[in-house]
Amino acid sequence: MNSEQWKKILAAKDFLGLDDHATLADIKRAYRRLAKKHHPDATPKHDADHPAAPNFVRLTEAYQTLLDYCARYRFPLTHDDGNHEVEPEDWWMDRFGHDPLWGKVKR
C-alpha cells in the first residue's frame, strides 16, 4: 500500500468520524447515520445548492474505500489451518504484511 492509498483511507476514516480501532460494524453504522443526513432525497427540492448530494457521493466513496481496505484481510475460520510447515512470522505476513500499521517496517 502506498502513501496515497493510505491517505485516502485516513480521509475516509475521518469523514465517517471513526476512531482508530473501528470495527466493520462501526463503519456500517457511521455510513448509515451519515447517509440519512446527506442523501439527496433529504435535500429540499427548492435548494439546488444544498451540499447533501455531493457529500453523499463523497460518503459513498469513503465507505467503499474502507470496505475495500477491510476486505483484504484473511482470517482463518478454524483453529488449525492444517499447514504445519508455515513459520509464525510467515503466517502473520501472509495475512497482515500489506498493512502499513502491522506490516514490515521499511528502513
PDB file of N, CA and C in Angstrom:
ATOM      1  N   MET A   1       0.852  -1.168   0.000  1.00  0.00           N
ATOM      2  CA  MET A   1       0.000   0.000   0.000  1.00  0.00           C
ATOM      3  C   MET A   1       0.898   1.231   0.000  1.00  0.00           C
ATOM      4  N   ASN A   2       0.624   2.135  -0.925  1.00  0.00           N
ATOM      5  CA  ASN A   2       1.443   3.336  -0.997  1.00  0.00           C
ATOM      6  C   ASN A   2       0.850   4.448  -0.136  1.00  0.00           C
ATOM      7  N   SER A   3       1.564   5.555  -0.039  1.00  0.00           N
ATOM      8  CA  SER A   3       1.134   6.630   0.856  1.00  0.00           C
ATOM      9  C   SER A   3      -0.152   7.301   0.380  1.00  0.00           C
ATOM     10  N   GLU A   4      -0.378   7.367  -0.922  1.00  0.00           N
ATOM     11  CA  GLU A   4      -1.614   7.963  -1.433  1.00  0.00           C
ATOM     12  C   GLU A   4      -2.823   7.124  -1.038  1.00  0.00           C
ATOM     13  N   GLN A   5      -2.701   5.804  -1.128  1.00  0.00           N
ATOM     14  CA  GLN A   5      -3.796   4.922  -0.721  1.00  0.00           C
ATOM     15  C   GLN A   5      -4.066   5.059   0.779  1.00  0.00           C
ATOM     16  N   TRP A   6      -2.978   5.147   1.548  1.00  0.00           N
ATOM     17  CA  TRP A   6      -3.133   5.278   2.992  1.00  0.00           C
ATOM     18  C   TRP A   6      -3.798   6.608   3.337  1.00  0.00           C
ATOM     19  N   LYS A   7      -3.436   7.692   2.643  1.00  0.00           N
ATOM     20  CA  LYS A   7      -4.073   8.993   2.879  1.00  0.00           C
ATOM     21  C   LYS A   7      -5.564   8.926   2.570  1.00  0.00           C
ATOM     22  N   LYS A   8      -5.928   8.199   1.520  1.00  0.00           N
ATOM     23  CA  LYS A   8      -7.327   8.041   1.147  1.00  0.00           C
ATOM     24  C   LYS A   8      -8.095   7.297   2.241  1.00  0.00           C
ATOM     25  N   ILE A   9      -7.482   6.291   2.828  1.00  0.00           N
ATOM     26  CA  ILE A   9      -8.108   5.533   3.911  1.00  0.00           C
ATOM     27  C   ILE A   9      -8.292   6.415   5.145  1.00  0.00           C
ATOM     28  N   LEU A  10      -7.269   7.189   5.483  1.00  0.00           N
ATOM     29  CA  LEU A  10      -7.370   8.077   6.644  1.00  0.00           C
ATOM     30  C   LEU A  10      -8.430   9.155   6.428  1.00  0.00           C
ATOM     31  N   ALA A  11      -8.509   9.689   5.206  1.00  0.00           N
ATOM     32  CA  ALA A  11      -9.530  10.701   4.898  1.00  0.00           C
ATOM     33  C   ALA A  11     -10.923  10.092   5.015  1.00  0.00           C
ATOM     34  N   ALA A  12     -11.087   8.857   4.555  1.00  0.00           N
ATOM     35  CA  ALA A  12     -12.378   8.180   4.657  1.00  0.00           C
ATOM     36  C   ALA A  12     -12.745   7.952   6.119  1.00  0.00           C
ATOM     37  N   LYS A  13     -11.778   7.539   6.921  1.00  0.00           N
ATOM     38  CA  LYS A  13     -11.999   7.310   8.353  1.00  0.00           C
ATOM     39  C   LYS A  13     -12.442   8.605   9.024  1.00  0.00           C
ATOM     40  N   ASP A  14     -11.765   9.698   8.703  1.00  0.00           N
ATOM     41  CA  ASP A  14     -12.108  10.986   9.298  1.00  0.00           C
ATOM     42  C   ASP A  14     -13.475  11.475   8.823  1.00  0.00           C
ATOM     43  N   PHE A  15     -13.778  11.288   7.543  1.00  0.00           N
ATOM     44  CA  PHE A  15     -15.066  11.737   7.011  1.00  0.00           C
ATOM     45  C   PHE A  15     -16.219  11.011   7.682  1.00  0.00           C
ATOM     46  N   LEU A  16     -16.040   9.730   7.959  1.00  0.00           N
ATOM     47  CA  LEU A  16     -17.085   8.958   8.629  1.00  0.00           C
ATOM     48  C   LEU A  16     -17.057   9.153  10.146  1.00  0.00           C
ATOM     49  N   GLY A  17     -16.061   9.874  10.661  1.00  0.00           N
ATOM     50  CA  GLY A  17     -15.984  10.157  12.092  1.00  0.00           C
ATOM     51  C   GLY A  17     -15.630   8.945  12.933  1.00  0.00           C
ATOM     52  N   LEU A  18     -14.768   8.092  12.401  1.00  0.00           N
ATOM     53  CA  LEU A  18     -14.397   6.854  13.083  1.00  0.00           C
ATOM     54  C   LEU A  18     -13.120   7.025  13.883  1.00  0.00           C
ATOM     55  N   ASP A  19     -12.989   6.237  14.946  1.00  0.00           N
ATOM     56  CA  ASP A  19     -11.731   6.251  15.680  1.00  0.00           C
ATOM     57  C   ASP A  19     -10.762   5.241  15.062  1.00  0.00           C
ATOM     58  N   ASP A  20      -9.577   5.151  15.616  1.00  0.00           N
ATOM     59  CA  ASP A  20      -8.530   4.303  15.043  1.00  0.00           C
ATOM     60  C   ASP A  20      -8.819   2.806  15.144  1.00  0.00           C
ATOM     61  N   HIS A  21      -9.717   2.406  15.996  1.00  0.00           N
ATOM     62  CA  HIS A  21      -9.995   0.991  16.209  1.00  0.00           C
ATOM     63  C   HIS A  21     -11.435   0.652  15.867  1.00  0.00           C
ATOM     64  N   ALA A  22     -11.938   1.208  14.796  1.00  0.00           N
ATOM     65  CA  ALA A  22     -13.324   0.966  14.380  1.00  0.00           C
ATOM     66  C   ALA A  22     -13.477  -0.450  13.836  1.00  0.00           C
ATOM     67  N   THR A  23     -14.608  -1.035  14.125  1.00  0.00           N
ATOM     68  CA  THR A  23     -14.931  -2.351  13.586  1.00  0.00           C
ATOM     69  C   THR A  23     -15.713  -2.168  12.292  1.00  0.00           C
ATOM     70  N   LEU A  24     -15.921  -3.257  11.593  1.00  0.00           N
ATOM     71  CA  LEU A  24     -16.730  -3.204  10.382  1.00  0.00           C
ATOM     72  C   LEU A  24     -18.152  -2.751  10.727  1.00  0.00           C
ATOM     73  N   ALA A  25     -18.668  -3.185  11.850  1.00  0.00           N
ATOM     74  CA  ALA A  25     -19.995  -2.753  12.297  1.00  0.00           C
ATOM     75  C   ALA A  25     -20.022  -1.248  12.570  1.00  0.00           C
ATOM     76  N   ASP A  26     -18.936  -0.703  13.144  1.00  0.00           N
ATOM     77  CA  ASP A  26     -18.844   0.739  13.382  1.00  0.00           C
ATOM     78  C   ASP A  26     -18.857   1.509  12.064  1.00  0.00           C
ATOM     79  N   ILE A  27     -18.149   0.973  11.073  1.00  0.00           N
ATOM     80  CA  ILE A  27     -18.092   1.617   9.756  1.00  0.00           C
ATOM     81  C   ILE A  27     -19.488   1.652   9.142  1.00  0.00           C
ATOM     82  N   LYS A  28     -20.193   0.540   9.213  1.00  0.00           N
ATOM     83  CA  LYS A  28     -21.543   0.473   8.638  1.00  0.00           C
ATOM     84  C   LYS A  28     -22.511   1.394   9.370  1.00  0.00           C
ATOM     85  N   ARG A  29     -22.417   1.450  10.710  1.00  0.00           N
ATOM     86  CA  ARG A  29     -23.291   2.335  11.482  1.00  0.00           C
ATOM     87  C   ARG A  29     -23.037   3.802  11.125  1.00  0.00           C
ATOM     88  N   ALA A  30     -21.769   4.174  11.006  1.00  0.00           N
ATOM     89  CA  ALA A  30     -21.431   5.558  10.660  1.00  0.00           C
ATOM     90  C   ALA A  30     -21.941   5.910   9.267  1.00  0.00           C
ATOM     91  N   TYR A  31     -21.801   4.970   8.336  1.00  0.00           N
ATOM     92  CA  TYR A  31     -22.288   5.215   6.977  1.00  0.00           C
ATOM     93  C   TYR A  31     -23.803   5.426   6.987  1.00  0.00           C
ATOM     94  N   ARG A  32     -24.526   4.582   7.668  1.00  0.00           N
ATOM     95  CA  ARG A  32     -25.990   4.696   7.696  1.00  0.00           C
ATOM     96  C   ARG A  32     -26.430   6.003   8.350  1.00  0.00           C
ATOM     97  N   ARG A  33     -25.744   6.372   9.429  1.00  0.00           N
ATOM     98  CA  ARG A  33     -26.079   7.619  10.128  1.00  0.00           C
ATOM     99  C   ARG A  33     -25.876   8.816   9.204  1.00  0.00           C
ATOM    100  N   LEU A  34     -24.733   8.841   8.526  1.00  0.00           N
ATOM    101  CA  LEU A  34     -24.430   9.966   7.642  1.00  0.00           C
ATOM    102  C   LEU A  34     -25.237   9.923   6.345  1.00  0.00           C
ATOM    103  N   ALA A  35     -25.603   8.726   5.892  1.00  0.00           N
ATOM    104  CA  ALA A  35     -26.404   8.608   4.675  1.00  0.00           C
ATOM    105  C   ALA A  35     -27.773   9.246   4.875  1.00  0.00           C
ATOM    106  N   LYS A  36     -28.333   9.110   6.059  1.00  0.00           N
ATOM    107  CA  LYS A  36     -29.621   9.750   6.346  1.00  0.00           C
ATOM    108  C   LYS A  36     -29.510  11.270   6.262  1.00  0.00           C
ATOM    109  N   LYS A  37     -28.377  11.787   6.654  1.00  0.00           N
ATOM    110  CA  LYS A  37     -28.166  13.243   6.654  1.00  0.00           C
ATOM    111  C   LYS A  37     -27.863  13.772   5.254  1.00  0.00           C
ATOM    112  N   HIS A  38     -27.076  13.029   4.478  1.00  0.00           N
ATOM    113  CA  HIS A  38     -26.572  13.528   3.199  1.00  0.00           C
ATOM    114  C   HIS A  38     -27.268  12.959   1.967  1.00  0.00           C
ATOM    115  N   HIS A  39     -28.255  12.112   2.137  1.00  0.00           N
ATOM    116  CA  HIS A  39     -28.916  11.519   0.977  1.00  0.00           C
ATOM    117  C   HIS A  39     -29.635  12.604   0.173  1.00  0.00           C
ATOM    118  N   PRO A  40     -29.555  12.544  -1.161  1.00  0.00           N
ATOM    119  CA  PRO A  40     -30.210  13.570  -1.991  1.00  0.00           C
ATOM    120  C   PRO A  40     -31.710  13.691  -1.748  1.00  0.00           C
ATOM    121  N   ASP A  41     -32.354  12.620  -1.334  1.00  0.00           N
ATOM    122  CA  ASP A  41     -33.789  12.707  -1.046  1.00  0.00           C
ATOM    123  C   ASP A  41     -34.079  13.553   0.194  1.00  0.00           C
ATOM    124  N   ALA A  42     -33.058  13.755   1.024  1.00  0.00           N
ATOM    125  CA  ALA A  42     -33.222  14.598   2.207  1.00  0.00           C
ATOM    126  C   ALA A  42     -33.031  16.069   1.878  1.00  0.00           C
ATOM    127  N   THR A  43     -32.607  16.360   0.655  1.00  0.00           N
ATOM    128  CA  THR A  43     -32.360  17.732   0.218  1.00  0.00           C
ATOM    129  C   THR A  43     -33.684  18.414  -0.117  1.00  0.00           C
ATOM    130  N   PRO A  44     -33.882  19.605   0.389  1.00  0.00           N
ATOM    131  CA  PRO A  44     -35.078  20.337  -0.025  1.00  0.00           C
ATOM    132  C   PRO A  44     -35.084  20.526  -1.546  1.00  0.00           C
ATOM    133  N   LYS A  45     -36.211  20.256  -2.185  1.00  0.00           N
ATOM    134  CA  LYS A  45     -36.304  20.295  -3.652  1.00  0.00           C
ATOM    135  C   LYS A  45     -36.019  21.677  -4.232  1.00  0.00           C
ATOM    136  N   HIS A  46     -36.304  22.716  -3.479  1.00  0.00           N
ATOM    137  CA  HIS A  46     -36.102  24.071  -3.992  1.00  0.00           C
ATOM    138  C   HIS A  46     -34.665  24.564  -3.816  1.00  0.00           C
ATOM    139  N   ASP A  47     -33.826  23.801  -3.123  1.00  0.00           N
ATOM    140  CA  ASP A  47     -32.459  24.232  -2.831  1.00  0.00           C
ATOM    141  C   ASP A  47     -31.462  23.407  -3.641  1.00  0.00           C
ATOM    142  N   ALA A  48     -31.175  23.848  -4.874  1.00  0.00           N
ATOM    143  CA  ALA A  48     -30.263  23.114  -5.760  1.00  0.00           C
ATOM    144  C   ALA A  48     -28.818  23.168  -5.284  1.00  0.00           C
ATOM    145  N   ASP A  49     -28.495  24.167  -4.461  1.00  0.00           N
ATOM    146  CA  ASP A  49     -27.117  24.318  -3.990  1.00  0.00           C
ATOM    147  C   ASP A  49     -26.866  23.622  -2.653  1.00  0.00           C
ATOM    148  N   HIS A  50     -27.857  22.890  -2.160  1.00  0.00           N
ATOM    149  CA  HIS A  50     -27.701  22.182  -0.893  1.00  0.00           C
ATOM    150  C   HIS A  50     -26.557  21.173  -1.015  1.00  0.00           C
ATOM    151  N   PRO A  51     -25.661  21.110  -0.018  1.00  0.00           N
ATOM    152  CA  PRO A  51     -24.472  20.246  -0.130  1.00  0.00           C
ATOM    153  C   PRO A  51     -24.729  18.754   0.066  1.00  0.00           C
ATOM    154  N   ALA A  52     -25.965  18.342   0.236  1.00  0.00           N
ATOM    155  CA  ALA A  52     -26.225  16.934   0.540  1.00  0.00           C
ATOM    156  C   ALA A  52     -25.782  16.001  -0.580  1.00  0.00           C
ATOM    157  N   ALA A  53     -26.130  16.298  -1.824  1.00  0.00           N
ATOM    158  CA  ALA A  53     -25.825  15.370  -2.926  1.00  0.00           C
ATOM    159  C   ALA A  53     -24.323  15.153  -3.115  1.00  0.00           C
ATOM    160  N   PRO A  54     -23.513  16.216  -3.210  1.00  0.00           N
ATOM    161  CA  PRO A  54     -22.064  15.965  -3.344  1.00  0.00           C
ATOM    162  C   PRO A  54     -21.477  15.252  -2.126  1.00  0.00           C
ATOM    163  N   ASN A  55     -21.976  15.557  -0.945  1.00  0.00           N
ATOM    164  CA  ASN A  55     -21.484  14.884   0.251  1.00  0.00           C
ATOM    165  C   ASN A  55     -21.885  13.421   0.266  1.00  0.00           C
ATOM    166  N   PHE A  56     -23.031  13.096  -0.302  1.00  0.00           N
ATOM    167  CA  PHE A  56     -23.452  11.697  -0.359  1.00  0.00           C
ATOM    168  C   PHE A  56     -22.531  10.898  -1.271  1.00  0.00           C
ATOM    169  N   VAL A  57     -22.122  11.484  -2.369  1.00  0.00           N
ATOM    170  CA  VAL A  57     -21.171  10.819  -3.273  1.00  0.00           C
ATOM    171  C   VAL A  57     -19.851  10.608  -2.542  1.00  0.00           C
ATOM    172  N   ARG A  58     -19.392  11.633  -1.859  1.00  0.00           N
ATOM    173  CA  ARG A  58     -18.134  11.533  -1.102  1.00  0.00           C
ATOM    174  C   ARG A  58     -18.263  10.491   0.012  1.00  0.00           C
ATOM    175  N   LEU A  59     -19.412  10.463   0.673  1.00  0.00           N
ATOM    176  CA  LEU A  59     -19.665   9.488   1.729  1.00  0.00           C
ATOM    177  C   LEU A  59     -19.625   8.071   1.181  1.00  0.00           C
ATOM    178  N   THR A  60     -20.265   7.857   0.060  1.00  0.00           N
ATOM    179  CA  THR A  60     -20.290   6.524  -0.547  1.00  0.00           C
ATOM    180  C   THR A  60     -18.886   6.094  -0.961  1.00  0.00           C
ATOM    181  N   GLU A  61     -18.101   7.011  -1.506  1.00  0.00           N
ATOM    182  CA  GLU A  61     -16.722   6.689  -1.883  1.00  0.00           C
ATOM    183  C   GLU A  61     -15.880   6.362  -0.651  1.00  0.00           C
ATOM    184  N   ALA A  62     -16.056   7.115   0.423  1.00  0.00           N
ATOM    185  CA  ALA A  62     -15.306   6.853   1.660  1.00  0.00           C
ATOM    186  C   ALA A  62     -15.676   5.494   2.234  1.00  0.00           C
ATOM    187  N   TYR A  63     -16.956   5.191   2.237  1.00  0.00           N
ATOM    188  CA  TYR A  63     -17.434   3.911   2.742  1.00  0.00           C
ATOM    189  C   TYR A  63     -16.857   2.759   1.923  1.00  0.00           C
ATOM    190  N   GLN A  64     -16.882   2.888   0.610  1.00  0.00           N
ATOM    191  CA  GLN A  64     -16.349   1.834  -0.259  1.00  0.00           C
ATOM    192  C   GLN A  64     -14.845   1.678  -0.072  1.00  0.00           C
ATOM    193  N   THR A  65     -14.137   2.772   0.130  1.00  0.00           N
ATOM    194  CA  THR A  65     -12.695   2.718   0.386  1.00  0.00           C
ATOM    195  C   THR A  65     -12.407   1.888   1.630  1.00  0.00           C
ATOM    196  N   LEU A  66     -13.160   2.125   2.690  1.00  0.00           N
ATOM    197  CA  LEU A  66     -12.944   1.378   3.930  1.00  0.00           C
ATOM    198  C   LEU A  66     -13.363  -0.082   3.798  1.00  0.00           C
ATOM    199  N   LEU A  67     -14.441  -0.344   3.074  1.00  0.00           N
ATOM    200  CA  LEU A  67     -14.839  -1.735   2.853  1.00  0.00           C
ATOM    201  C   LEU A  67     -13.789  -2.486   2.043  1.00  0.00           C
ATOM    202  N   ASP A  68     -13.230  -1.838   1.028  1.00  0.00           N
ATOM    203  CA  ASP A  68     -12.174  -2.463   0.224  1.00  0.00           C
ATOM    204  C   ASP A  68     -10.947  -2.753   1.072  1.00  0.00           C
ATOM    205  N   TYR A  69     -10.601  -1.812   1.957  1.00  0.00           N
ATOM    206  CA  TYR A  69      -9.449  -1.995   2.841  1.00  0.00           C
ATOM    207  C   TYR A  69      -9.688  -3.188   3.771  1.00  0.00           C
ATOM    208  N   CYS A  70     -10.871  -3.265   4.345  1.00  0.00           N
ATOM    209  CA  CYS A  70     -11.201  -4.368   5.257  1.00  0.00           C
ATOM    210  C   CYS A  70     -11.271  -5.709   4.533  1.00  0.00           C
ATOM    211  N   ALA A  71     -11.655  -5.696   3.280  1.00  0.00           N
ATOM    212  CA  ALA A  71     -11.808  -6.939   2.525  1.00  0.00           C
ATOM    213  C   ALA A  71     -10.475  -7.632   2.250  1.00  0.00           C
ATOM    214  N   ARG A  72      -9.381  -6.928   2.379  1.00  0.00           N
ATOM    215  CA  ARG A  72      -8.065  -7.525   2.110  1.00  0.00           C
ATOM    216  C   ARG A  72      -7.616  -8.474   3.202  1.00  0.00           C
ATOM    217  N   TYR A  73      -8.194  -8.365   4.386  1.00  0.00           N
ATOM    218  CA  TYR A  73      -7.787  -9.232   5.486  1.00  0.00           C
ATOM    219  C   TYR A  73      -8.363 -10.623   5.304  1.00  0.00           C
ATOM    220  N   ARG A  74      -7.541 -11.615   5.579  1.00  0.00           N
ATOM    221  CA  ARG A  74      -7.990 -13.008   5.533  1.00  0.00           C
ATOM    222  C   ARG A  74      -7.787 -13.599   6.909  1.00  0.00           C
ATOM    223  N   PHE A  75      -8.853 -14.130   7.460  1.00  0.00           N
ATOM    224  CA  PHE A  75      -8.785 -14.740   8.772  1.00  0.00           C
ATOM    225  C   PHE A  75      -9.156 -16.209   8.661  1.00  0.00           C
ATOM    226  N   PRO A  76      -8.391 -17.079   9.282  1.00  0.00           N
ATOM    227  CA  PRO A  76      -8.771 -18.493   9.252  1.00  0.00           C
ATOM    228  C   PRO A  76     -10.028 -18.706  10.089  1.00  0.00           C
ATOM    229  N   LEU A  77     -10.898 -19.541   9.615  1.00  0.00           N
ATOM    230  CA  LEU A  77     -12.140 -19.816  10.332  1.00  0.00           C
ATOM    231  C   LEU A  77     -12.050 -21.104  11.140  1.00  0.00           C
ATOM    232  N   THR A  78     -10.867 -21.685  11.191  1.00  0.00           N
ATOM    233  CA  THR A  78     -10.629 -22.856  12.017  1.00  0.00           C
ATOM    234  C   THR A  78      -9.422 -22.573  12.896  1.00  0.00           C
ATOM    235  N   HIS A  79      -9.322 -23.330  13.970  1.00  0.00           N
ATOM    236  CA  HIS A  79      -8.200 -23.143  14.882  1.00  0.00           C
ATOM    237  C   HIS A  79      -6.878 -23.542  14.226  1.00  0.00           C
ATOM    238  N   ASP A  80      -6.886 -24.600  13.471  1.00  0.00           N
ATOM    239  CA  ASP A  80      -5.681 -25.102  12.823  1.00  0.00           C
ATOM    240  C   ASP A  80      -5.922 -25.106  11.321  1.00  0.00           C
ATOM    241  N   ASP A  81      -5.096 -24.347  10.573  1.00  0.00           N
ATOM    242  CA  ASP A  81      -5.306 -24.298   9.127  1.00  0.00           C
ATOM    243  C   ASP A  81      -4.680 -25.499   8.410  1.00  0.00           C
ATOM    244  N   GLY A  82      -4.091 -26.436   9.151  1.00  0.00           N
ATOM    245  CA  GLY A  82      -3.584 -27.667   8.562  1.00  0.00           C
ATOM    246  C   GLY A  82      -2.195 -27.553   7.962  1.00  0.00           C
ATOM    247  N   ASN A  83      -1.652 -26.386   7.886  1.00  0.00           N
ATOM    248  CA  ASN A  83      -0.330 -26.203   7.296  1.00  0.00           C
ATOM    249  C   ASN A  83       0.677 -26.008   8.422  1.00  0.00           C
ATOM    250  N   HIS A  84       1.325 -27.093   8.830  1.00  0.00           N
ATOM    251  CA  HIS A  84       2.255 -27.035   9.955  1.00  0.00           C
ATOM    252  C   HIS A  84       3.657 -26.620   9.533  1.00  0.00           C
ATOM    253  N   GLU A  85       3.870 -26.444   8.240  1.00  0.00           N
ATOM    254  CA  GLU A  85       5.192 -26.055   7.757  1.00  0.00           C
ATOM    255  C   GLU A  85       5.403 -24.546   7.756  1.00  0.00           C
ATOM    256  N   VAL A  86       4.361 -23.775   7.978  1.00  0.00           N
ATOM    257  CA  VAL A  86       4.450 -22.326   7.925  1.00  0.00           C
ATOM    258  C   VAL A  86       4.974 -21.788   9.253  1.00  0.00           C
ATOM    259  N   GLU A  87       5.993 -20.961   9.166  1.00  0.00           N
ATOM    260  CA  GLU A  87       6.532 -20.318  10.354  1.00  0.00           C
ATOM    261  C   GLU A  87       5.557 -19.243  10.823  1.00  0.00           C
ATOM    262  N   PRO A  88       5.506 -18.971  12.127  1.00  0.00           N
ATOM    263  CA  PRO A  88       4.573 -17.964  12.637  1.00  0.00           C
ATOM    264  C   PRO A  88       4.726 -16.590  11.968  1.00  0.00           C
ATOM    265  N   GLU A  89       5.956 -16.167  11.715  1.00  0.00           N
ATOM    266  CA  GLU A  89       6.171 -14.863  11.077  1.00  0.00           C
ATOM    267  C   GLU A  89       5.631 -14.868   9.644  1.00  0.00           C
ATOM    268  N   ASP A  90       5.805 -15.967   8.926  1.00  0.00           N
ATOM    269  CA  ASP A  90       5.268 -16.072   7.574  1.00  0.00           C
ATOM    270  C   ASP A  90       3.742 -16.061   7.589  1.00  0.00           C
ATOM    271  N   TRP A  91       3.142 -16.734   8.567  1.00  0.00           N
ATOM    272  CA  TRP A  91       1.687 -16.733   8.701  1.00  0.00           C
ATOM    273  C   TRP A  91       1.179 -15.310   8.895  1.00  0.00           C
ATOM    274  N   TRP A  92       1.839 -14.567   9.785  1.00  0.00           N
ATOM    275  CA  TRP A  92       1.457 -13.185  10.072  1.00  0.00           C
ATOM    276  C   TRP A  92       1.612 -12.309   8.827  1.00  0.00           C
ATOM    277  N   MET A  93       2.746 -12.411   8.161  1.00  0.00           N
ATOM    278  CA  MET A  93       2.997 -11.565   6.989  1.00  0.00           C
ATOM    279  C   MET A  93       2.036 -11.898   5.850  1.00  0.00           C
ATOM    280  N   ASP A  94       1.651 -13.151   5.710  1.00  0.00           N
ATOM    281  CA  ASP A  94       0.706 -13.538   4.667  1.00  0.00           C
ATOM    282  C   ASP A  94      -0.638 -12.855   4.869  1.00  0.00           C
ATOM    283  N   ARG A  95      -1.039 -12.681   6.106  1.00  0.00           N
ATOM    284  CA  ARG A  95      -2.347 -12.091   6.387  1.00  0.00           C
ATOM    285  C   ARG A  95      -2.299 -10.582   6.573  1.00  0.00           C
ATOM    286  N   PHE A  96      -1.229 -10.051   7.147  1.00  0.00           N
ATOM    287  CA  PHE A  96      -1.193  -8.639   7.519  1.00  0.00           C
ATOM    288  C   PHE A  96       0.005  -7.871   6.969  1.00  0.00           C
ATOM    289  N   GLY A  97       0.857  -8.487   6.186  1.00  0.00           N
ATOM    290  CA  GLY A  97       2.092  -7.846   5.730  1.00  0.00           C
ATOM    291  C   GLY A  97       1.882  -6.636   4.848  1.00  0.00           C
ATOM    292  N   HIS A  98       0.757  -6.543   4.165  1.00  0.00           N
ATOM    293  CA  HIS A  98       0.491  -5.406   3.289  1.00  0.00           C
ATOM    294  C   HIS A  98       0.035  -4.175   4.061  1.00  0.00           C
ATOM    295  N   ASP A  99      -0.340  -4.345   5.294  1.00  0.00           N
ATOM    296  CA  ASP A  99      -0.876  -3.247   6.091  1.00  0.00           C
ATOM    297  C   ASP A  99       0.257  -2.362   6.597  1.00  0.00           C
ATOM    298  N   PRO A 100       0.173  -1.043   6.394  1.00  0.00           N
ATOM    299  CA  PRO A 100       1.262  -0.166   6.834  1.00  0.00           C
ATOM    300  C   PRO A 100       1.411  -0.102   8.351  1.00  0.00           C
ATOM    301  N   LEU A 101       0.355  -0.408   9.074  1.00  0.00           N
ATOM    302  CA  LEU A 101       0.435  -0.367  10.533  1.00  0.00           C
ATOM    303  C   LEU A 101       1.089  -1.615  11.095  1.00  0.00           C
ATOM    304  N   TRP A 102       0.761  -2.800  10.502  1.00  0.00           N
ATOM    305  CA  TRP A 102       1.236  -4.057  11.041  1.00  0.00           C
ATOM    306  C   TRP A 102       2.298  -4.724  10.186  1.00  0.00           C
ATOM    307  N   GLY A 103       2.511  -4.254   8.981  1.00  0.00           N
ATOM    308  CA  GLY A 103       3.456  -4.889   8.074  1.00  0.00           C
ATOM    309  C   GLY A 103       4.897  -4.601   8.444  1.00  0.00           C
ATOM    310  N   LYS A 104       5.783  -5.066   7.587  1.00  0.00           N
ATOM    311  CA  LYS A 104       7.207  -4.856   7.831  1.00  0.00           C
ATOM    312  C   LYS A 104       7.542  -3.375   7.755  1.00  0.00           C
ATOM    313  N   VAL A 105       8.472  -2.963   8.578  1.00  0.00           N
ATOM    314  CA  VAL A 105       8.912  -1.575   8.605  1.00  0.00           C
ATOM    315  C   VAL A 105       9.982  -1.386   7.548  1.00  0.00           C
ATOM    316  N   LYS A 106       9.779  -0.381   6.680  1.00  0.00           N
ATOM    317  CA  LYS A 106      10.790  -0.075   5.664  1.00  0.00           C
ATOM    318  C   LYS A 106      11.826   0.849   6.305  1.00  0.00           C
ATOM    319  N   ARG A 107      13.046   0.479   6.137  1.00  0.00           N
ATOM    320  CA  ARG A 107      14.125   1.301   6.724  1.00  0.00           C
ATOM    321  C   ARG A 107      14.949   1.942   5.647  1.00  0.00           C
TER     322      ARG A 107
END
